[in-house]
Amino acid sequence: METGIFIFVSMTPSNISGKEDQLPLINKKMPVTEIVQKDYRTADVFLKYDIEFCCGGKWPLEMVCESKQLDTAGILLELEEACRLIQLPQGSRFEDWSTGFLIDFIQNVYHQYFKKALETTVNYTNRFLEGHLKKFPELEKTPEILDKLSLTINKRMNNEEESFFPYIKQVTNAYLRNESYAGLLVKTLRKPWQETMQQEYSEAIKWLDELRSITKDYYLPDNACTTHRVSFSKLRELDQELTQYLQLEHTILLPRVVEVEQ
């Protein structure tokens, strides 16, 4: 198996209309709002340069860049990069990966993604609700739920990087080498790590369920503004990637470790 570049797998459509994922054609004559409507991920670029992309983003990209003394060509390159999606080849089987490689994949791909995406999603959600909470009062608790979800996932990733993953690698290597000390190590650490990871898993699922409920599965009304669409698209993307991450660990990685311990 080749183990060169870590790549991120996303099943989330990039356009906020929910249609089939395609690399959108972006040009400097397009209004900023239209660009974001084609691919919500471009909002990150506009936010970076303090470019309005919602109701006030109806001016052509070239005109906006000139007014802010920004390099239009450079901005176009960043927008195109934001739209790129790299996927694993079809037929990739996580269950066939070695435990060490699977852990490296989770840490270098999913952890790195969540460390950025959690904060970004919180910021977009707060940005949307600051101007639209009166219109959507049922979403009032969304930031609180999202904060609790972020706390749970950040705590889980920290535990994995500092304790669980090194332990799993050590136990797996000891098992493969048939080293006698592995049993003593297992008896010492087996109960705490399983209970902790199960608790974190249950908490994450709970907060995801509450997010889905309060947002009605991230439902967007026909008249939703661009910020609303970007915010809910970010929430939906985060939900899907967290679900994949949690399932990857609890259906493949952790059962494999429990089998080694037994």
C-alpha atoms as a PDB file:
ATOM      1  CA  MET A   1       0.000   0.000   0.000  1.00  0.00           C
ATOM      2  CA  GLU A   2       1.249   3.492  -0.821  1.00  0.00           C
ATOM      3  CA  THR A   3       1.358   5.812   2.180  1.00  0.00           C
ATOM      4  CA  GLY A   4       2.509   9.152   0.812  1.00  0.00           C
ATOM      5  CA  ILE A   5       0.063  12.032   1.019  1.00  0.00           C
ATOM      6  CA  PHE A   6      -2.761  12.279   3.525  1.00  0.00           C
ATOM      7  CA  ILE A   7      -5.962  13.344   1.800  1.00  0.00           C
ATOM      8  CA  PHE A   8      -9.275  14.499   3.192  1.00  0.00           C
ATOM      9  CA  VAL A   9     -12.457  12.674   2.302  1.00  0.00           C
ATOM     10  CA  SER A  10     -15.632  14.722   2.133  1.00  0.00           C
ATOM     11  CA  MET A  11     -19.093  13.556   1.129  1.00  0.00           C
ATOM     12  CA  THR A  12     -20.545  17.049   1.414  1.00  0.00           C
ATOM     13  CA  PRO A  13     -21.790  18.896  -1.701  1.00  0.00           C
ATOM     14  CA  SER A  14     -19.906  22.174  -1.981  1.00  0.00           C
ATOM     15  CA  ASN A  15     -22.697  24.298  -3.393  1.00  0.00           C
ATOM     16  CA  ILE A  16     -25.352  25.600  -1.053  1.00  0.00           C
ATOM     17  CA  SER A  17     -28.176  24.534  -3.304  1.00  0.00           C
ATOM     18  CA  GLY A  18     -27.314  20.898  -2.476  1.00  0.00           C
ATOM     19  CA  LYS A  19     -26.841  19.896  -6.108  1.00  0.00           C
ATOM     20  CA  GLU A  20     -24.133  17.593  -7.421  1.00  0.00           C
ATOM     21  CA  ASP A  21     -20.624  18.636  -6.417  1.00  0.00           C
ATOM     22  CA  GLN A  22     -18.715  20.210  -9.293  1.00  0.00           C
ATOM     23  CA  LEU A  23     -15.816  22.624  -9.441  1.00  0.00           C
ATOM     24  CA  PRO A  24     -17.640  25.927 -10.086  1.00  0.00           C
ATOM     25  CA  LEU A  25     -16.553  28.261 -12.859  1.00  0.00           C
ATOM     26  CA  ILE A  26     -15.520  31.493 -11.176  1.00  0.00           C
ATOM     27  CA  ASN A  27     -14.520  34.666 -12.972  1.00  0.00           C
ATOM     28  CA  LYS A  28     -13.771  38.232 -11.958  1.00  0.00           C
ATOM     29  CA  LYS A  29     -17.029  39.573 -13.432  1.00  0.00           C
ATOM     30  CA  MET A  30     -19.221  37.516 -11.123  1.00  0.00           C
ATOM     31  CA  PRO A  31     -20.865  39.159  -8.092  1.00  0.00           C
ATOM     32  CA  VAL A  32     -19.369  38.012  -4.809  1.00  0.00           C
ATOM     33  CA  THR A  33     -22.697  36.648  -3.563  1.00  0.00           C
ATOM     34  CA  GLU A  34     -23.099  34.524  -6.698  1.00  0.00           C
ATOM     35  CA  ILE A  35     -19.645  33.007  -6.167  1.00  0.00           C
ATOM     36  CA  VAL A  36     -20.531  31.967  -2.606  1.00  0.00           C
ATOM     37  CA  GLN A  37     -23.863  30.574  -3.754  1.00  0.00           C
ATOM     38  CA  LYS A  38     -21.997  28.336  -6.194  1.00  0.00           C
ATOM     39  CA  ASP A  39     -19.667  27.039  -3.457  1.00  0.00           C
ATOM     40  CA  TYR A  40     -20.044  27.947   0.206  1.00  0.00           C
ATOM     41  CA  ARG A  41     -16.366  27.210   0.872  1.00  0.00           C
ATOM     42  CA  THR A  42     -15.406  30.392  -0.997  1.00  0.00           C
ATOM     43  CA  ALA A  43     -16.896  32.375   1.896  1.00  0.00           C
ATOM     44  CA  ASP A  44     -13.725  31.597   3.870  1.00  0.00           C
ATOM     45  CA  VAL A  45     -11.658  33.585   1.357  1.00  0.00           C
ATOM     46  CA  PHE A  46     -13.999  36.566   1.424  1.00  0.00           C
ATOM     47  CA  LEU A  47     -14.107  36.539   5.213  1.00  0.00           C
ATOM     48  CA  LYS A  48     -10.299  36.501   5.274  1.00  0.00           C
ATOM     49  CA  TYR A  49     -10.170  39.739   3.263  1.00  0.00           C
ATOM     50  CA  ASP A  50     -13.216  41.329   4.945  1.00  0.00           C
ATOM     51  CA  ILE A  51     -15.280  41.199   1.758  1.00  0.00           C
ATOM     52  CA  GLU A  52     -19.046  41.284   2.211  1.00  0.00           C
ATOM     53  CA  PHE A  53     -20.604  38.175   0.650  1.00  0.00           C
ATOM     54  CA  CYS A  54     -24.190  38.329   1.891  1.00  0.00           C
ATOM     55  CA  CYS A  55     -26.818  40.943   1.087  1.00  0.00           C
ATOM     56  CA  GLY A  56     -24.191  43.601   0.335  1.00  0.00           C
ATOM     57  CA  GLY A  57     -22.086  41.358  -1.866  1.00  0.00           C
ATOM     58  CA  LYS A  58     -23.744  42.127  -5.190  1.00  0.00           C
ATOM     59  CA  TRP A  59     -20.758  43.887  -6.742  1.00  0.00           C
ATOM     60  CA  PRO A  60     -18.473  42.097  -9.235  1.00  0.00           C
ATOM     61  CA  LEU A  61     -15.380  40.510  -7.725  1.00  0.00           C
ATOM     62  CA  GLU A  62     -13.027  42.626  -9.840  1.00  0.00           C
ATOM     63  CA  MET A  63     -14.637  45.869  -8.653  1.00  0.00           C
ATOM     64  CA  VAL A  64     -14.505  44.792  -5.006  1.00  0.00           C
ATOM     65  CA  CYS A  65     -10.825  43.826  -5.278  1.00  0.00           C
ATOM     66  CA  GLU A  66      -9.954  47.148  -6.882  1.00  0.00           C
ATOM     67  CA  SER A  67     -11.776  49.078  -4.155  1.00  0.00           C
ATOM     68  CA  LYS A  68      -9.803  47.202  -1.490  1.00  0.00           C
ATOM     69  CA  GLN A  69      -6.530  47.311  -3.440  1.00  0.00           C
ATOM     70  CA  LEU A  70      -6.406  43.531  -3.645  1.00  0.00           C
ATOM     71  CA  ASP A  71      -4.868  41.455  -6.425  1.00  0.00           C
ATOM     72  CA  THR A  72      -7.844  40.058  -8.350  1.00  0.00           C
ATOM     73  CA  ALA A  73      -5.820  37.249  -9.920  1.00  0.00           C
ATOM     74  CA  GLY A  74      -4.514  36.217  -6.520  1.00  0.00           C
ATOM     75  CA  ILE A  75      -7.996  36.187  -5.025  1.00  0.00           C
ATOM     76  CA  LEU A  76      -9.254  34.072  -7.932  1.00  0.00           C
ATOM     77  CA  LEU A  77      -6.509  31.534  -7.261  1.00  0.00           C
ATOM     78  CA  GLU A  78      -7.486  31.346  -3.590  1.00  0.00           C
ATOM     79  CA  LEU A  79     -11.137  30.893  -4.529  1.00  0.00           C
ATOM     80  CA  GLU A  80     -10.307  28.079  -6.922  1.00  0.00           C
ATOM     81  CA  GLU A  81      -8.161  26.408  -4.260  1.00  0.00           C
ATOM     82  CA  ALA A  82     -11.017  26.666  -1.747  1.00  0.00           C
ATOM     83  CA  CYS A  83     -13.258  24.776  -4.168  1.00  0.00           C
ATOM     84  CA  ARG A  84     -10.942  21.838  -4.679  1.00  0.00           C
ATOM     85  CA  LEU A  85     -11.997  18.481  -3.280  1.00  0.00           C
ATOM     86  CA  ILE A  86      -9.558  15.583  -2.993  1.00  0.00           C
ATOM     87  CA  GLN A  87     -11.047  12.153  -2.429  1.00  0.00           C
ATOM     88  CA  LEU A  88      -9.789   8.668  -1.754  1.00  0.00           C
ATOM     89  CA  PRO A  89     -10.035   6.251  -4.681  1.00  0.00           C
ATOM     90  CA  GLN A  90     -13.291   4.330  -4.875  1.00  0.00           C
ATOM     91  CA  GLY A  91     -13.074   0.986  -3.156  1.00  0.00           C
ATOM     92  CA  SER A  92     -10.672   2.153  -0.433  1.00  0.00           C
ATOM     93  CA  ARG A  93     -11.119  -0.176   2.541  1.00  0.00           C
ATOM     94  CA  PHE A  94     -10.310   1.332   5.927  1.00  0.00           C
ATOM     95  CA  GLU A  95     -10.591  -2.094   7.543  1.00  0.00           C
ATOM     96  CA  ASP A  96      -7.617  -3.279   5.500  1.00  0.00           C
ATOM     97  CA  TRP A  97      -5.324  -0.541   6.797  1.00  0.00           C
ATOM     98  CA  SER A  98      -2.842  -1.315   9.556  1.00  0.00           C
ATOM     99  CA  THR A  99      -3.715   0.049  12.992  1.00  0.00           C
ATOM    100  CA  GLY A 100      -0.754   2.417  12.975  1.00  0.00           C
ATOM    101  CA  PHE A 101      -1.615   3.855   9.567  1.00  0.00           C
ATOM    102  CA  LEU A 102      -5.285   4.197  10.511  1.00  0.00           C
ATOM    103  CA  ILE A 103      -4.323   6.189  13.615  1.00  0.00           C
ATOM    104  CA  ASP A 104      -1.983   8.404  11.573  1.00  0.00           C
ATOM    105  CA  PHE A 105      -4.780   9.011   9.056  1.00  0.00           C
ATOM    106  CA  ILE A 106      -7.250  10.002  11.776  1.00  0.00           C
ATOM    107  CA  GLN A 107      -4.770  12.300  13.508  1.00  0.00           C
ATOM    108  CA  ASN A 108      -3.282  13.952  10.424  1.00  0.00           C
ATOM    109  CA  VAL A 109      -6.504  14.278   8.445  1.00  0.00           C
ATOM    110  CA  TYR A 110      -9.548  14.396  10.711  1.00  0.00           C
ATOM    111  CA  HIS A 111      -7.905  16.044  13.718  1.00  0.00           C
ATOM    112  CA  GLN A 112      -6.311  18.749  11.578  1.00  0.00           C
ATOM    113  CA  TYR A 113      -9.638  19.377   9.850  1.00  0.00           C
ATOM    114  CA  PHE A 114     -11.648  19.613  13.090  1.00  0.00           C
ATOM    115  CA  LYS A 115      -9.147  21.937  14.769  1.00  0.00           C
ATOM    116  CA  LYS A 116      -9.952  24.496  12.085  1.00  0.00           C
ATOM    117  CA  ALA A 117     -13.519  23.586  11.147  1.00  0.00           C
ATOM    118  CA  LEU A 118     -14.948  23.705  14.673  1.00  0.00           C
ATOM    119  CA  GLU A 119     -13.815  27.291  15.214  1.00  0.00           C
ATOM    120  CA  THR A 120     -14.815  28.345  11.702  1.00  0.00           C
ATOM    121  CA  THR A 121     -18.296  26.858  12.020  1.00  0.00           C
ATOM    122  CA  VAL A 122     -18.836  28.548  15.380  1.00  0.00           C
ATOM    123  CA  ASN A 123     -17.811  31.899  13.874  1.00  0.00           C
ATOM    124  CA  TYR A 124     -20.155  31.563  10.891  1.00  0.00           C
ATOM    125  CA  THR A 125     -23.051  30.494  13.090  1.00  0.00           C
ATOM    126  CA  ASN A 126     -22.556  33.437  15.440  1.00  0.00           C
ATOM    127  CA  ARG A 127     -22.213  35.788  12.465  1.00  0.00           C
ATOM    128  CA  PHE A 128     -25.534  34.577  11.056  1.00  0.00           C
ATOM    129  CA  LEU A 129     -27.463  34.696  14.330  1.00  0.00           C
ATOM    130  CA  GLU A 130     -26.197  38.157  15.269  1.00  0.00           C
ATOM    131  CA  GLY A 131     -28.290  39.604  12.464  1.00  0.00           C
ATOM    132  CA  HIS A 132     -31.076  37.044  12.138  1.00  0.00           C
ATOM    133  CA  LEU A 133     -31.947  35.725  15.599  1.00  0.00           C
ATOM    134  CA  LYS A 134     -35.184  37.735  15.766  1.00  0.00           C
ATOM    135  CA  LYS A 135     -36.318  36.098  12.535  1.00  0.00           C
ATOM    136  CA  PHE A 136     -35.272  32.619  13.693  1.00  0.00           C
ATOM    137  CA  PRO A 137     -35.746  32.578  17.507  1.00  0.00           C
ATOM    138  CA  GLU A 138     -35.912  28.771  17.494  1.00  0.00           C
ATOM    139  CA  LEU A 139     -32.153  28.760  16.743  1.00  0.00           C
ATOM    140  CA  GLU A 140     -31.225  30.660  19.909  1.00  0.00           C
ATOM    141  CA  LYS A 141     -29.549  27.670  21.578  1.00  0.00           C
ATOM    142  CA  THR A 142     -27.529  26.678  18.501  1.00  0.00           C
ATOM    143  CA  PRO A 143     -24.312  28.449  19.629  1.00  0.00           C
ATOM    144  CA  GLU A 144     -24.535  26.822  23.067  1.00  0.00           C
ATOM    145  CA  ILE A 145     -24.968  23.341  21.580  1.00  0.00           C
ATOM    146  CA  LEU A 146     -22.149  23.962  19.110  1.00  0.00           C
ATOM    147  CA  ASP A 147     -19.848  25.126  21.912  1.00  0.00           C
ATOM    148  CA  LYS A 148     -20.563  21.941  23.883  1.00  0.00           C
ATOM    149  CA  LEU A 149     -19.918  19.820  20.805  1.00  0.00           C
ATOM    150  CA  SER A 150     -16.633  21.649  20.177  1.00  0.00           C
ATOM    151  CA  LEU A 151     -15.556  21.132  23.786  1.00  0.00           C
ATOM    152  CA  THR A 152     -16.313  17.413  23.566  1.00  0.00           C
ATOM    153  CA  ILE A 153     -14.456  16.892  20.282  1.00  0.00           C
ATOM    154  CA  ASN A 154     -11.445  18.983  21.307  1.00  0.00           C
ATOM    155  CA  LYS A 155     -11.216  17.042  24.569  1.00  0.00           C
ATOM    156  CA  ARG A 156     -11.460  13.749  22.677  1.00  0.00           C
ATOM    157  CA  MET A 157      -8.745  14.721  20.194  1.00  0.00           C
ATOM    158  CA  ASN A 158      -6.471  15.854  23.004  1.00  0.00           C
ATOM    159  CA  ASN A 159      -6.969  12.553  24.851  1.00  0.00           C
ATOM    160  CA  GLU A 160      -6.305  10.605  21.679  1.00  0.00           C
ATOM    161  CA  GLU A 161      -3.104  12.455  20.811  1.00  0.00           C
ATOM    162  CA  GLU A 162      -1.666  12.490  24.339  1.00  0.00           C
ATOM    163  CA  SER A 163      -2.758   9.106  25.669  1.00  0.00           C
ATOM    164  CA  PHE A 164      -4.997   6.804  23.656  1.00  0.00           C
ATOM    165  CA  PHE A 165      -3.224   6.687  20.311  1.00  0.00           C
ATOM    166  CA  PRO A 166       0.263   6.165  21.805  1.00  0.00           C
ATOM    167  CA  TYR A 167      -1.205   3.446  24.032  1.00  0.00           C
ATOM    168  CA  ILE A 168      -3.000   1.722  21.142  1.00  0.00           C
ATOM    169  CA  LYS A 169       0.157   1.758  19.026  1.00  0.00           C
ATOM    170  CA  GLN A 170       2.212   0.368  21.915  1.00  0.00           C
ATOM    171  CA  VAL A 171      -0.229  -2.427  22.667  1.00  0.00           C
ATOM    172  CA  THR A 172      -0.630  -3.305  18.981  1.00  0.00           C
ATOM    173  CA  ASN A 173       3.127  -3.420  18.407  1.00  0.00           C
ATOM    174  CA  ALA A 174       3.643  -5.500  21.535  1.00  0.00           C
ATOM    175  CA  TYR A 175       0.936  -7.910  20.367  1.00  0.00           C
ATOM    176  CA  LEU A 176       2.462  -8.241  16.899  1.00  0.00           C
ATOM    177  CA  ARG A 177       5.880  -8.901  18.428  1.00  0.00           C
ATOM    178  CA  ASN A 178       4.367 -11.259  20.992  1.00  0.00           C
ATOM    179  CA  GLU A 179       6.016  -9.419  23.873  1.00  0.00           C
ATOM    180  CA  SER A 180       5.130 -10.694  27.337  1.00  0.00           C
ATOM    181  CA  TYR A 181       4.788  -7.294  29.058  1.00  0.00           C
ATOM    182  CA  ALA A 182       1.799  -6.327  26.923  1.00  0.00           C
ATOM    183  CA  GLY A 183      -0.673  -8.136  29.187  1.00  0.00           C
ATOM    184  CA  LEU A 184       0.380  -6.151  32.268  1.00  0.00           C
ATOM    185  CA  LEU A 185       0.018  -2.869  30.390  1.00  0.00           C
ATOM    186  CA  VAL A 186      -3.428  -3.867  29.164  1.00  0.00           C
ATOM    187  CA  LYS A 187      -4.659  -4.724  32.667  1.00  0.00           C
ATOM    188  CA  THR A 188      -3.571  -1.276  33.862  1.00  0.00           C
ATOM    189  CA  LEU A 189      -5.089   0.851  31.103  1.00  0.00           C
ATOM    190  CA  ARG A 190      -7.888  -1.126  29.525  1.00  0.00           C
ATOM    191  CA  LYS A 191     -10.874   0.053  31.587  1.00  0.00           C
ATOM    192  CA  PRO A 192     -10.211   3.831  31.698  1.00  0.00           C
ATOM    193  CA  TRP A 193      -9.605   4.379  27.983  1.00  0.00           C
ATOM    194  CA  GLN A 194     -12.632   2.381  26.872  1.00  0.00           C
ATOM    195  CA  GLU A 195     -14.967   4.116  29.302  1.00  0.00           C
ATOM    196  CA  THR A 196     -13.622   7.557  28.442  1.00  0.00           C
ATOM    197  CA  MET A 197     -13.881   7.100  24.677  1.00  0.00           C
ATOM    198  CA  GLN A 198     -17.386   5.663  24.957  1.00  0.00           C
ATOM    199  CA  GLN A 199     -18.472   8.599  27.105  1.00  0.00           C
ATOM    200  CA  GLU A 200     -17.022  11.116  24.638  1.00  0.00           C
ATOM    201  CA  TYR A 201     -18.669   9.259  21.761  1.00  0.00           C
ATOM    202  CA  SER A 202     -22.066   9.364  23.482  1.00  0.00           C
ATOM    203  CA  GLU A 203     -21.706  13.068  24.262  1.00  0.00           C
ATOM    204  CA  ALA A 204     -20.742  13.918  20.678  1.00  0.00           C
ATOM    205  CA  ILE A 205     -23.702  11.971  19.280  1.00  0.00           C
ATOM    206  CA  LYS A 206     -25.992  13.728  21.764  1.00  0.00           C
ATOM    207  CA  TRP A 207     -24.886  17.219  20.672  1.00  0.00           C
ATOM    208  CA  LEU A 208     -25.079  16.282  16.988  1.00  0.00           C
ATOM    209  CA  ASP A 209     -28.635  15.014  17.499  1.00  0.00           C
ATOM    210  CA  GLU A 210     -29.566  18.278  19.214  1.00  0.00           C
ATOM    211  CA  LEU A 211     -28.059  20.310  16.372  1.00  0.00           C
ATOM    212  CA  ARG A 212     -30.030  18.309  13.819  1.00  0.00           C
ATOM    213  CA  SER A 213     -33.197  18.761  15.824  1.00  0.00           C
ATOM    214  CA  ILE A 214     -32.920  22.503  16.432  1.00  0.00           C
ATOM    215  CA  THR A 215     -31.982  23.201  12.783  1.00  0.00           C
ATOM    216  CA  LYS A 216     -34.479  20.677  11.391  1.00  0.00           C
ATOM    217  CA  ASP A 217     -31.620  18.771   9.764  1.00  0.00           C
ATOM    218  CA  TYR A 218     -30.093  22.040   8.538  1.00  0.00           C
ATOM    219  CA  TYR A 219     -33.196  22.923   6.557  1.00  0.00           C
ATOM    220  CA  LEU A 220     -32.936  26.114   4.488  1.00  0.00           C
ATOM    221  CA  PRO A 221     -36.032  28.101   3.499  1.00  0.00           C
ATOM    222  CA  ASP A 222     -36.204  29.261  -0.105  1.00  0.00           C
ATOM    223  CA  ASN A 223     -35.611  32.883   0.927  1.00  0.00           C
ATOM    224  CA  ALA A 224     -32.572  32.137   3.123  1.00  0.00           C
ATOM    225  CA  CYS A 225     -29.837  34.738   2.776  1.00  0.00           C
ATOM    226  CA  THR A 226     -26.295  33.806   1.769  1.00  0.00           C
ATOM    227  CA  THR A 227     -24.935  33.944   5.330  1.00  0.00           C
ATOM    228  CA  HIS A 228     -27.721  31.613   6.454  1.00  0.00           C
ATOM    229  CA  ARG A 229     -26.874  29.198   3.656  1.00  0.00           C
ATOM    230  CA  VAL A 230     -23.141  29.278   4.366  1.00  0.00           C
ATOM    231  CA  SER A 231     -23.684  28.778   8.095  1.00  0.00           C
ATOM    232  CA  PHE A 232     -25.974  25.772   7.651  1.00  0.00           C
ATOM    233  CA  SER A 233     -23.752  24.299   4.929  1.00  0.00           C
ATOM    234  CA  LYS A 234     -20.817  24.513   7.342  1.00  0.00           C
ATOM    235  CA  LEU A 235     -22.900  22.852  10.061  1.00  0.00           C
ATOM    236  CA  ARG A 236     -23.980  20.063   7.712  1.00  0.00           C
ATOM    237  CA  GLU A 237     -20.400  19.485   6.567  1.00  0.00           C
ATOM    238  CA  LEU A 238     -19.162  19.353  10.164  1.00  0.00           C
ATOM    239  CA  ASP A 239     -21.934  16.913  11.068  1.00  0.00           C
ATOM    240  CA  GLN A 240     -21.073  14.556   8.208  1.00  0.00           C
ATOM    241  CA  GLU A 241     -17.330  14.598   8.844  1.00  0.00           C
ATOM    242  CA  LEU A 242     -17.774  14.074  12.590  1.00  0.00           C
ATOM    243  CA  THR A 243     -20.092  11.155  11.907  1.00  0.00           C
ATOM    244  CA  GLN A 244     -17.516   9.560   9.591  1.00  0.00           C
ATOM    245  CA  TYR A 245     -14.724  10.134  12.120  1.00  0.00           C
ATOM    246  CA  LEU A 246     -16.667   8.673  15.043  1.00  0.00           C
ATOM    247  CA  GLN A 247     -17.852   5.673  13.043  1.00  0.00           C
ATOM    248  CA  LEU A 248     -14.348   4.991  11.743  1.00  0.00           C
ATOM    249  CA  GLU A 249     -13.072   4.783  15.303  1.00  0.00           C
ATOM    250  CA  HIS A 250     -15.958   2.890  16.856  1.00  0.00           C
ATOM    251  CA  THR A 251     -16.579   0.357  14.087  1.00  0.00           C
ATOM    252  CA  ILE A 252     -12.980  -0.344  13.014  1.00  0.00           C
ATOM    253  CA  LEU A 253     -10.243   1.028  15.276  1.00  0.00           C
ATOM    254  CA  LEU A 254     -11.588   0.408  18.774  1.00  0.00           C
ATOM    255  CA  PRO A 255     -13.001  -3.111  18.189  1.00  0.00           C
ATOM    256  CA  ARG A 256      -9.625  -4.041  16.725  1.00  0.00           C
ATOM    257  CA  VAL A 257      -7.843  -2.852  19.874  1.00  0.00           C
ATOM    258  CA  VAL A 258     -10.302  -4.615  22.175  1.00  0.00           C
ATOM    259  CA  GLU A 259      -9.626  -7.835  20.267  1.00  0.00           C
ATOM    260  CA  VAL A 260      -5.889  -7.395  20.783  1.00  0.00           C
ATOM    261  CA  GLU A 261      -6.398  -6.769  24.511  1.00  0.00           C
ATOM    262  CA  GLN A 262      -8.435  -9.933  24.919  1.00  0.00           C
END
